[in-house]
């Protein structure tokens, strides 16, 4: 017997598939998963509206080589979802041959149509990003060692 999905579970399945298959072309169709007035926040951005959210993801494709998301877990409660993920990419300038990974999580709130109204990403920019940059990374690792000694 096939398991029945709730509308929220089905919406989250669509959202996860969208992000795991995200491409520059798909960014143009973000209105399929985001409500018109959706809000997005991460360590570097805070925007409102589907076009502004799409702009952040479009910029990702011009700044990084082969960016992609792998969702590793999900928790649903009511109209809210919490996803954990790995973001894999390569820098275009620094060590372009090395795949980098940022581990993070997203808190999503969905409307009655299963579209995202709030998308809040949580990840440690210092540990996950700055430490991977050539000059800044050395400084960040040194500061971390000093703080832990």
N, C-alpha and C. Protein backbone atom coordinates (compact mmCIF):
# COMPACT_ATOMS: atom_id res chain seq x y z
N UNK A 1 0.84 -1.18 0.00
CA UNK A 1 0.00 0.00 0.00
C UNK A 1 0.88 1.24 0.00
N UNK A 2 0.62 2.16 -0.89
CA UNK A 2 1.42 3.37 -1.01
C UNK A 2 1.08 4.36 0.10
N UNK A 3 2.12 4.96 0.67
CA UNK A 3 1.94 5.92 1.75
C UNK A 3 1.36 7.23 1.21
N UNK A 4 0.38 7.79 1.92
CA UNK A 4 -0.24 9.04 1.52
C UNK A 4 0.57 10.21 2.06
N UNK A 5 0.81 11.19 1.23
CA UNK A 5 1.50 12.41 1.64
C UNK A 5 0.48 13.50 1.94
N UNK A 6 0.76 14.28 2.97
CA UNK A 6 -0.07 15.45 3.24
C UNK A 6 0.29 16.51 2.19
N UNK A 7 -0.56 17.52 2.02
CA UNK A 7 -0.21 18.60 1.08
C UNK A 7 1.12 19.26 1.43
N UNK A 8 1.42 19.42 2.72
CA UNK A 8 2.68 20.04 3.11
C UNK A 8 3.86 19.14 2.76
N UNK A 9 3.73 17.84 2.99
CA UNK A 9 4.80 16.92 2.62
C UNK A 9 5.04 16.93 1.11
N UNK A 10 3.95 16.96 0.34
CA UNK A 10 4.09 17.02 -1.12
C UNK A 10 4.77 18.32 -1.54
N UNK A 11 4.42 19.44 -0.90
CA UNK A 11 5.05 20.73 -1.21
C UNK A 11 6.54 20.68 -0.89
N UNK A 12 6.89 20.10 0.25
CA UNK A 12 8.30 20.01 0.63
C UNK A 12 9.05 19.10 -0.34
N UNK A 13 8.43 18.01 -0.78
CA UNK A 13 9.06 17.16 -1.80
C UNK A 13 9.37 17.97 -3.05
N UNK A 14 8.42 18.82 -3.50
CA UNK A 14 8.64 19.67 -4.68
C UNK A 14 9.78 20.67 -4.43
N UNK A 15 9.79 21.26 -3.25
CA UNK A 15 10.81 22.26 -2.91
C UNK A 15 12.19 21.62 -2.88
N UNK A 16 12.30 20.46 -2.23
CA UNK A 16 13.59 19.76 -2.17
C UNK A 16 14.06 19.40 -3.57
N UNK A 17 13.17 18.85 -4.39
CA UNK A 17 13.54 18.50 -5.76
C UNK A 17 13.98 19.74 -6.54
N UNK A 18 13.28 20.85 -6.35
CA UNK A 18 13.63 22.09 -7.04
C UNK A 18 15.06 22.50 -6.68
N UNK A 19 15.38 22.52 -5.38
CA UNK A 19 16.72 22.97 -4.98
C UNK A 19 17.81 21.97 -5.35
N UNK A 20 17.52 20.69 -5.30
CA UNK A 20 18.54 19.72 -5.67
C UNK A 20 18.79 19.69 -7.18
N UNK A 21 17.84 20.19 -7.97
CA UNK A 21 18.00 20.23 -9.42
C UNK A 21 18.14 21.67 -9.92
N UNK A 22 18.43 22.58 -9.01
CA UNK A 22 18.51 24.00 -9.36
C UNK A 22 19.54 24.25 -10.46
N UNK A 23 19.18 25.14 -11.37
CA UNK A 23 20.04 25.51 -12.50
C UNK A 23 19.76 26.98 -12.80
N UNK A 24 20.61 27.62 -13.61
CA UNK A 24 20.32 29.00 -14.00
C UNK A 24 18.94 29.14 -14.66
N UNK A 25 18.54 28.16 -15.43
CA UNK A 25 17.21 28.19 -16.07
C UNK A 25 16.11 28.09 -15.02
N UNK A 26 16.26 27.22 -14.05
CA UNK A 26 15.24 27.02 -13.01
C UNK A 26 15.05 28.27 -12.15
N UNK A 27 16.11 29.05 -11.98
CA UNK A 27 16.02 30.27 -11.17
C UNK A 27 14.93 31.19 -11.72
N UNK A 28 14.73 31.16 -13.02
CA UNK A 28 13.71 32.01 -13.65
C UNK A 28 12.29 31.57 -13.28
N UNK A 29 12.16 30.39 -12.67
CA UNK A 29 10.85 29.85 -12.31
C UNK A 29 10.66 29.72 -10.80
N UNK A 30 11.35 30.56 -10.05
CA UNK A 30 11.26 30.49 -8.60
C UNK A 30 9.85 30.80 -8.09
N UNK A 31 9.05 31.46 -8.91
CA UNK A 31 7.68 31.75 -8.48
C UNK A 31 6.85 30.47 -8.36
N UNK A 32 7.38 29.35 -8.80
CA UNK A 32 6.70 28.06 -8.63
C UNK A 32 6.80 27.57 -7.18
N UNK A 33 7.83 28.00 -6.48
CA UNK A 33 7.98 27.53 -5.10
C UNK A 33 7.97 28.66 -4.06
N UNK A 34 8.11 29.91 -4.52
CA UNK A 34 8.07 31.06 -3.60
C UNK A 34 6.80 31.87 -3.81
N UNK A 35 6.18 32.30 -2.71
CA UNK A 35 5.03 33.21 -2.76
C UNK A 35 5.53 34.59 -3.20
N UNK A 36 4.67 35.43 -3.79
CA UNK A 36 5.11 36.74 -4.30
C UNK A 36 5.87 37.61 -3.29
N UNK A 37 5.43 37.67 -2.06
CA UNK A 37 6.09 38.52 -1.07
C UNK A 37 7.06 37.78 -0.18
N UNK A 38 7.58 36.64 -0.64
CA UNK A 38 8.47 35.81 0.18
C UNK A 38 9.66 36.61 0.69
N UNK A 39 10.06 36.27 1.91
CA UNK A 39 11.25 36.88 2.51
C UNK A 39 12.36 35.83 2.59
N UNK A 40 13.60 36.27 2.33
CA UNK A 40 14.77 35.40 2.37
C UNK A 40 15.85 36.08 3.19
N UNK A 41 16.51 35.29 4.05
CA UNK A 41 17.62 35.83 4.85
C UNK A 41 18.67 34.74 5.01
N UNK A 42 19.92 35.15 4.83
CA UNK A 42 21.06 34.28 5.12
C UNK A 42 22.15 35.17 5.73
N UNK A 43 23.35 34.63 6.01
CA UNK A 43 24.37 35.49 6.64
C UNK A 43 24.78 36.72 5.84
N UNK A 44 24.48 36.77 4.54
CA UNK A 44 24.91 37.90 3.73
C UNK A 44 23.78 38.72 3.12
N UNK A 45 22.57 38.19 3.10
CA UNK A 45 21.47 38.83 2.38
C UNK A 45 20.20 38.86 3.22
N UNK A 46 19.39 39.85 2.96
CA UNK A 46 18.03 39.90 3.49
C UNK A 46 17.19 40.63 2.47
N UNK A 47 16.28 39.89 1.80
CA UNK A 47 15.49 40.46 0.72
C UNK A 47 14.04 40.03 0.85
N UNK A 48 13.19 40.73 0.08
CA UNK A 48 11.77 40.40 0.03
C UNK A 48 11.31 40.42 -1.41
N UNK A 49 10.51 39.42 -1.79
CA UNK A 49 9.98 39.32 -3.14
C UNK A 49 10.68 38.25 -3.96
N UNK A 50 9.92 37.58 -4.81
CA UNK A 50 10.46 36.47 -5.59
C UNK A 50 11.63 36.93 -6.47
N UNK A 51 11.51 38.08 -7.11
CA UNK A 51 12.59 38.54 -7.99
C UNK A 51 13.88 38.79 -7.22
N UNK A 52 13.77 39.34 -6.03
CA UNK A 52 14.97 39.57 -5.21
C UNK A 52 15.60 38.25 -4.78
N UNK A 53 14.77 37.27 -4.42
CA UNK A 53 15.29 35.94 -4.05
C UNK A 53 15.97 35.32 -5.27
N UNK A 54 15.33 35.40 -6.42
CA UNK A 54 15.92 34.85 -7.64
C UNK A 54 17.25 35.52 -7.96
N UNK A 55 17.36 36.81 -7.67
CA UNK A 55 18.61 37.53 -7.90
C UNK A 55 19.76 36.96 -7.09
N UNK A 56 19.49 36.55 -5.87
CA UNK A 56 20.55 35.96 -5.03
C UNK A 56 21.03 34.65 -5.65
N UNK A 57 20.09 33.82 -6.08
CA UNK A 57 20.48 32.53 -6.67
C UNK A 57 21.13 32.72 -8.04
N UNK A 58 20.69 33.70 -8.82
CA UNK A 58 21.35 34.00 -10.10
C UNK A 58 22.79 34.41 -9.87
N UNK A 59 23.01 35.25 -8.87
CA UNK A 59 24.37 35.70 -8.55
C UNK A 59 25.26 34.51 -8.18
N UNK A 60 24.68 33.54 -7.50
CA UNK A 60 25.43 32.33 -7.12
C UNK A 60 26.04 31.67 -8.37
N UNK A 61 25.28 31.64 -9.46
CA UNK A 61 25.77 31.00 -10.68
C UNK A 61 26.83 31.82 -11.41
N UNK A 62 26.86 33.12 -11.20
CA UNK A 62 27.90 33.93 -11.83
C UNK A 62 29.15 33.99 -10.96
N UNK A 63 29.03 33.69 -9.67
CA UNK A 63 30.15 33.80 -8.74
C UNK A 63 30.87 32.49 -8.48
N UNK A 64 30.17 31.37 -8.64
CA UNK A 64 30.72 30.07 -8.28
C UNK A 64 30.65 29.11 -9.45
N UNK A 65 31.50 28.09 -9.38
CA UNK A 65 31.52 27.03 -10.38
C UNK A 65 30.69 25.85 -9.88
N UNK A 66 29.74 25.41 -10.68
CA UNK A 66 28.95 24.20 -10.42
C UNK A 66 28.34 24.14 -9.01
N UNK A 67 27.64 25.20 -8.58
CA UNK A 67 27.01 25.14 -7.26
C UNK A 67 25.82 24.17 -7.27
N UNK A 68 25.67 23.42 -6.17
CA UNK A 68 24.50 22.54 -6.07
C UNK A 68 24.22 22.22 -4.61
N UNK A 69 22.96 21.93 -4.33
CA UNK A 69 22.50 21.60 -2.99
C UNK A 69 22.16 20.12 -2.90
N UNK A 70 22.48 19.53 -1.76
CA UNK A 70 22.08 18.17 -1.44
C UNK A 70 21.38 18.24 -0.09
N UNK A 71 20.08 17.99 -0.07
CA UNK A 71 19.32 18.02 1.17
C UNK A 71 19.57 16.70 1.91
N UNK A 72 19.97 16.81 3.17
CA UNK A 72 20.34 15.62 3.94
C UNK A 72 19.28 15.19 4.95
N UNK A 73 18.38 16.09 5.34
CA UNK A 73 17.31 15.73 6.28
C UNK A 73 16.23 16.80 6.23
N UNK A 74 15.05 16.44 6.71
CA UNK A 74 13.94 17.38 6.78
C UNK A 74 13.07 17.05 8.00
N UNK A 75 12.51 18.11 8.57
CA UNK A 75 11.57 17.97 9.68
C UNK A 75 10.39 18.89 9.36
N UNK A 76 9.19 18.35 9.44
CA UNK A 76 7.99 19.14 9.15
C UNK A 76 7.14 19.25 10.40
N UNK A 77 6.57 20.43 10.58
CA UNK A 77 5.59 20.65 11.64
C UNK A 77 4.62 21.71 11.15
N UNK A 78 3.38 21.31 10.98
CA UNK A 78 2.38 22.24 10.46
C UNK A 78 2.80 22.76 9.10
N UNK A 79 2.82 24.10 8.95
CA UNK A 79 3.21 24.70 7.67
C UNK A 79 4.68 25.11 7.65
N UNK A 80 5.47 24.54 8.57
CA UNK A 80 6.89 24.88 8.64
C UNK A 80 7.75 23.65 8.36
N UNK A 81 8.91 23.92 7.83
CA UNK A 81 9.85 22.85 7.50
C UNK A 81 11.26 23.31 7.84
N UNK A 82 12.05 22.39 8.31
CA UNK A 82 13.45 22.64 8.58
C UNK A 82 14.25 21.63 7.76
N UNK A 83 15.11 22.12 6.88
CA UNK A 83 15.94 21.27 6.02
C UNK A 83 17.40 21.42 6.42
N UNK A 84 18.13 20.32 6.45
CA UNK A 84 19.59 20.42 6.54
C UNK A 84 20.13 20.05 5.17
N UNK A 85 21.25 20.66 4.81
CA UNK A 85 21.78 20.50 3.46
C UNK A 85 23.29 20.68 3.42
N UNK A 86 23.85 20.19 2.33
CA UNK A 86 25.24 20.46 1.96
C UNK A 86 25.18 21.27 0.67
N UNK A 87 25.95 22.33 0.63
CA UNK A 87 26.06 23.15 -0.57
C UNK A 87 27.45 22.90 -1.12
N UNK A 88 27.53 22.33 -2.30
CA UNK A 88 28.81 22.01 -2.93
C UNK A 88 29.06 22.97 -4.08
N UNK A 89 30.31 23.41 -4.21
CA UNK A 89 30.67 24.37 -5.24
C UNK A 89 32.18 24.39 -5.38
N UNK A 90 32.64 25.08 -6.42
CA UNK A 90 34.07 25.36 -6.58
C UNK A 90 34.21 26.86 -6.77
N UNK A 91 35.25 27.43 -6.16
CA UNK A 91 35.54 28.84 -6.39
C UNK A 91 36.03 29.01 -7.82
N UNK A 92 35.73 30.14 -8.42
CA UNK A 92 36.20 30.39 -9.78
C UNK A 92 37.66 30.84 -9.80
N UNK A 93 38.09 31.54 -8.75
CA UNK A 93 39.46 32.06 -8.71
C UNK A 93 40.41 31.25 -7.84
N UNK A 94 39.96 30.86 -6.66
CA UNK A 94 40.83 30.21 -5.69
C UNK A 94 40.61 28.71 -5.71
N UNK A 95 41.64 27.96 -6.05
CA UNK A 95 41.57 26.50 -6.10
C UNK A 95 40.32 26.00 -6.83
N UNK A 96 40.16 26.38 -8.11
CA UNK A 96 38.94 25.98 -8.83
C UNK A 96 38.79 24.48 -9.01
N UNK A 97 39.86 23.73 -8.78
CA UNK A 97 39.79 22.28 -8.94
C UNK A 97 39.27 21.58 -7.68
N UNK A 98 39.15 22.31 -6.58
CA UNK A 98 38.74 21.71 -5.30
C UNK A 98 37.27 22.01 -5.02
N UNK A 99 36.49 20.95 -4.81
CA UNK A 99 35.08 21.12 -4.45
C UNK A 99 35.00 21.49 -2.97
N UNK A 100 34.29 22.57 -2.70
CA UNK A 100 34.07 23.05 -1.34
C UNK A 100 32.68 22.61 -0.87
N UNK A 101 32.51 22.51 0.44
CA UNK A 101 31.21 22.14 1.00
C UNK A 101 30.88 23.07 2.15
N UNK A 102 29.67 23.61 2.11
CA UNK A 102 29.13 24.37 3.23
C UNK A 102 27.96 23.56 3.77
N UNK A 103 27.96 23.32 5.07
CA UNK A 103 26.86 22.60 5.71
C UNK A 103 25.95 23.62 6.37
N UNK A 104 24.65 23.51 6.11
CA UNK A 104 23.74 24.48 6.68
C UNK A 104 22.35 23.93 6.85
N UNK A 105 21.45 24.83 7.20
CA UNK A 105 20.05 24.47 7.42
C UNK A 105 19.17 25.62 6.97
N UNK A 106 17.95 25.28 6.59
CA UNK A 106 16.97 26.28 6.17
C UNK A 106 15.68 26.08 6.95
N UNK A 107 15.15 27.19 7.46
CA UNK A 107 13.82 27.19 8.06
C UNK A 107 12.88 27.77 7.01
N UNK A 108 11.85 27.03 6.65
CA UNK A 108 10.89 27.46 5.64
C UNK A 108 9.51 27.53 6.26
N UNK A 109 8.77 28.60 5.93
CA UNK A 109 7.35 28.67 6.25
C UNK A 109 6.60 28.69 4.93
N UNK A 110 5.51 27.91 4.86
CA UNK A 110 4.77 27.75 3.61
C UNK A 110 3.36 28.32 3.74
N UNK A 111 2.85 28.82 2.61
CA UNK A 111 1.47 29.30 2.59
C UNK A 111 0.53 28.12 2.28
N UNK A 112 -0.76 28.40 2.13
CA UNK A 112 -1.75 27.35 1.89
C UNK A 112 -1.58 26.66 0.54
N UNK A 113 -0.86 27.29 -0.38
CA UNK A 113 -0.58 26.67 -1.69
C UNK A 113 0.75 25.91 -1.68
N UNK A 114 1.41 25.85 -0.52
CA UNK A 114 2.67 25.13 -0.42
C UNK A 114 3.86 25.91 -0.95
N UNK A 115 3.71 27.24 -1.09
CA UNK A 115 4.82 28.08 -1.56
C UNK A 115 5.54 28.68 -0.35
N UNK A 116 6.80 28.95 -0.51
CA UNK A 116 7.62 29.49 0.57
C UNK A 116 7.28 30.96 0.80
N UNK A 117 6.97 31.31 2.06
CA UNK A 117 6.74 32.71 2.43
C UNK A 117 7.92 33.26 3.23
N UNK A 118 8.64 32.37 3.90
CA UNK A 118 9.83 32.74 4.66
C UNK A 118 10.89 31.68 4.45
N UNK A 119 12.09 32.10 4.09
CA UNK A 119 13.23 31.20 3.89
C UNK A 119 14.41 31.79 4.65
N UNK A 120 14.79 31.15 5.72
CA UNK A 120 15.91 31.63 6.54
C UNK A 120 16.98 30.57 6.56
N UNK A 121 18.16 30.90 6.04
CA UNK A 121 19.30 29.97 6.02
C UNK A 121 20.21 30.23 7.20
N UNK A 122 20.68 29.13 7.79
CA UNK A 122 21.61 29.18 8.91
C UNK A 122 22.86 28.40 8.53
N UNK A 123 23.99 29.09 8.54
CA UNK A 123 25.28 28.44 8.36
C UNK A 123 26.35 29.38 8.88
N UNK A 124 27.46 28.84 9.27
CA UNK A 124 28.54 29.61 9.88
C UNK A 124 29.47 30.14 8.79
N UNK A 125 29.33 31.41 8.45
CA UNK A 125 30.13 32.00 7.37
C UNK A 125 31.62 31.94 7.69
N UNK A 126 31.98 32.14 8.96
CA UNK A 126 33.40 32.13 9.32
C UNK A 126 34.00 30.75 9.11
N UNK A 127 33.37 29.74 9.65
CA UNK A 127 33.91 28.38 9.56
C UNK A 127 33.74 27.80 8.16
N UNK A 128 32.58 27.98 7.59
CA UNK A 128 32.26 27.30 6.34
C UNK A 128 32.78 28.00 5.09
N UNK A 129 33.00 29.32 5.15
CA UNK A 129 33.41 30.03 3.95
C UNK A 129 34.74 30.73 4.11
N UNK A 130 34.86 31.62 5.08
CA UNK A 130 36.06 32.43 5.22
C UNK A 130 37.31 31.58 5.41
N UNK A 131 37.20 30.48 6.15
CA UNK A 131 38.38 29.63 6.37
C UNK A 131 38.86 28.97 5.09
N UNK A 132 38.06 28.95 4.05
CA UNK A 132 38.43 28.31 2.80
C UNK A 132 39.12 29.27 1.82
N UNK A 133 39.11 30.55 2.14
CA UNK A 133 39.75 31.54 1.28
C UNK A 133 41.24 31.61 1.60
N UNK A 134 42.11 31.83 0.61
CA UNK A 134 43.55 31.77 0.82
C UNK A 134 44.08 32.65 1.95
N UNK A 135 44.02 33.94 1.87
CA UNK A 135 44.62 34.82 2.89
C UNK A 135 43.73 34.91 4.12
N UNK A 136 42.46 35.17 3.90
CA UNK A 136 41.52 35.31 5.02
C UNK A 136 41.43 34.00 5.80
N UNK A 137 41.47 32.88 5.09
CA UNK A 137 41.36 31.57 5.74
C UNK A 137 42.47 31.33 6.74
N UNK A 138 43.71 31.69 6.37
CA UNK A 138 44.84 31.53 7.29
C UNK A 138 44.63 32.35 8.55
N UNK A 139 44.18 33.57 8.38
CA UNK A 139 43.91 34.44 9.53
C UNK A 139 42.79 33.87 10.40
N UNK A 140 41.71 33.40 9.79
CA UNK A 140 40.59 32.84 10.55
C UNK A 140 41.01 31.60 11.32
N UNK A 141 41.80 30.72 10.70
CA UNK A 141 42.27 29.51 11.41
C UNK A 141 43.19 29.88 12.56
N UNK A 142 44.04 30.88 12.37
CA UNK A 142 44.94 31.34 13.43
C UNK A 142 44.11 31.92 14.59
N UNK A 143 43.11 32.76 14.28
CA UNK A 143 42.26 33.32 15.33
C UNK A 143 41.52 32.25 16.09
N UNK A 144 41.06 31.23 15.38
CA UNK A 144 40.35 30.12 16.03
C UNK A 144 41.28 29.37 16.98
N UNK A 145 42.50 29.10 16.54
CA UNK A 145 43.48 28.41 17.41
C UNK A 145 43.76 29.24 18.65
N UNK A 146 43.93 30.54 18.47
CA UNK A 146 44.22 31.44 19.61
C UNK A 146 43.04 31.45 20.61
N UNK A 147 41.84 31.49 20.08
CA UNK A 147 40.66 31.53 20.94
C UNK A 147 40.46 30.22 21.70
N UNK A 148 40.90 29.11 21.12
CA UNK A 148 40.72 27.80 21.75
C UNK A 148 41.88 27.41 22.66
N UNK A 149 42.96 28.21 22.69
CA UNK A 149 44.12 27.84 23.52
C UNK A 149 44.07 28.45 24.89
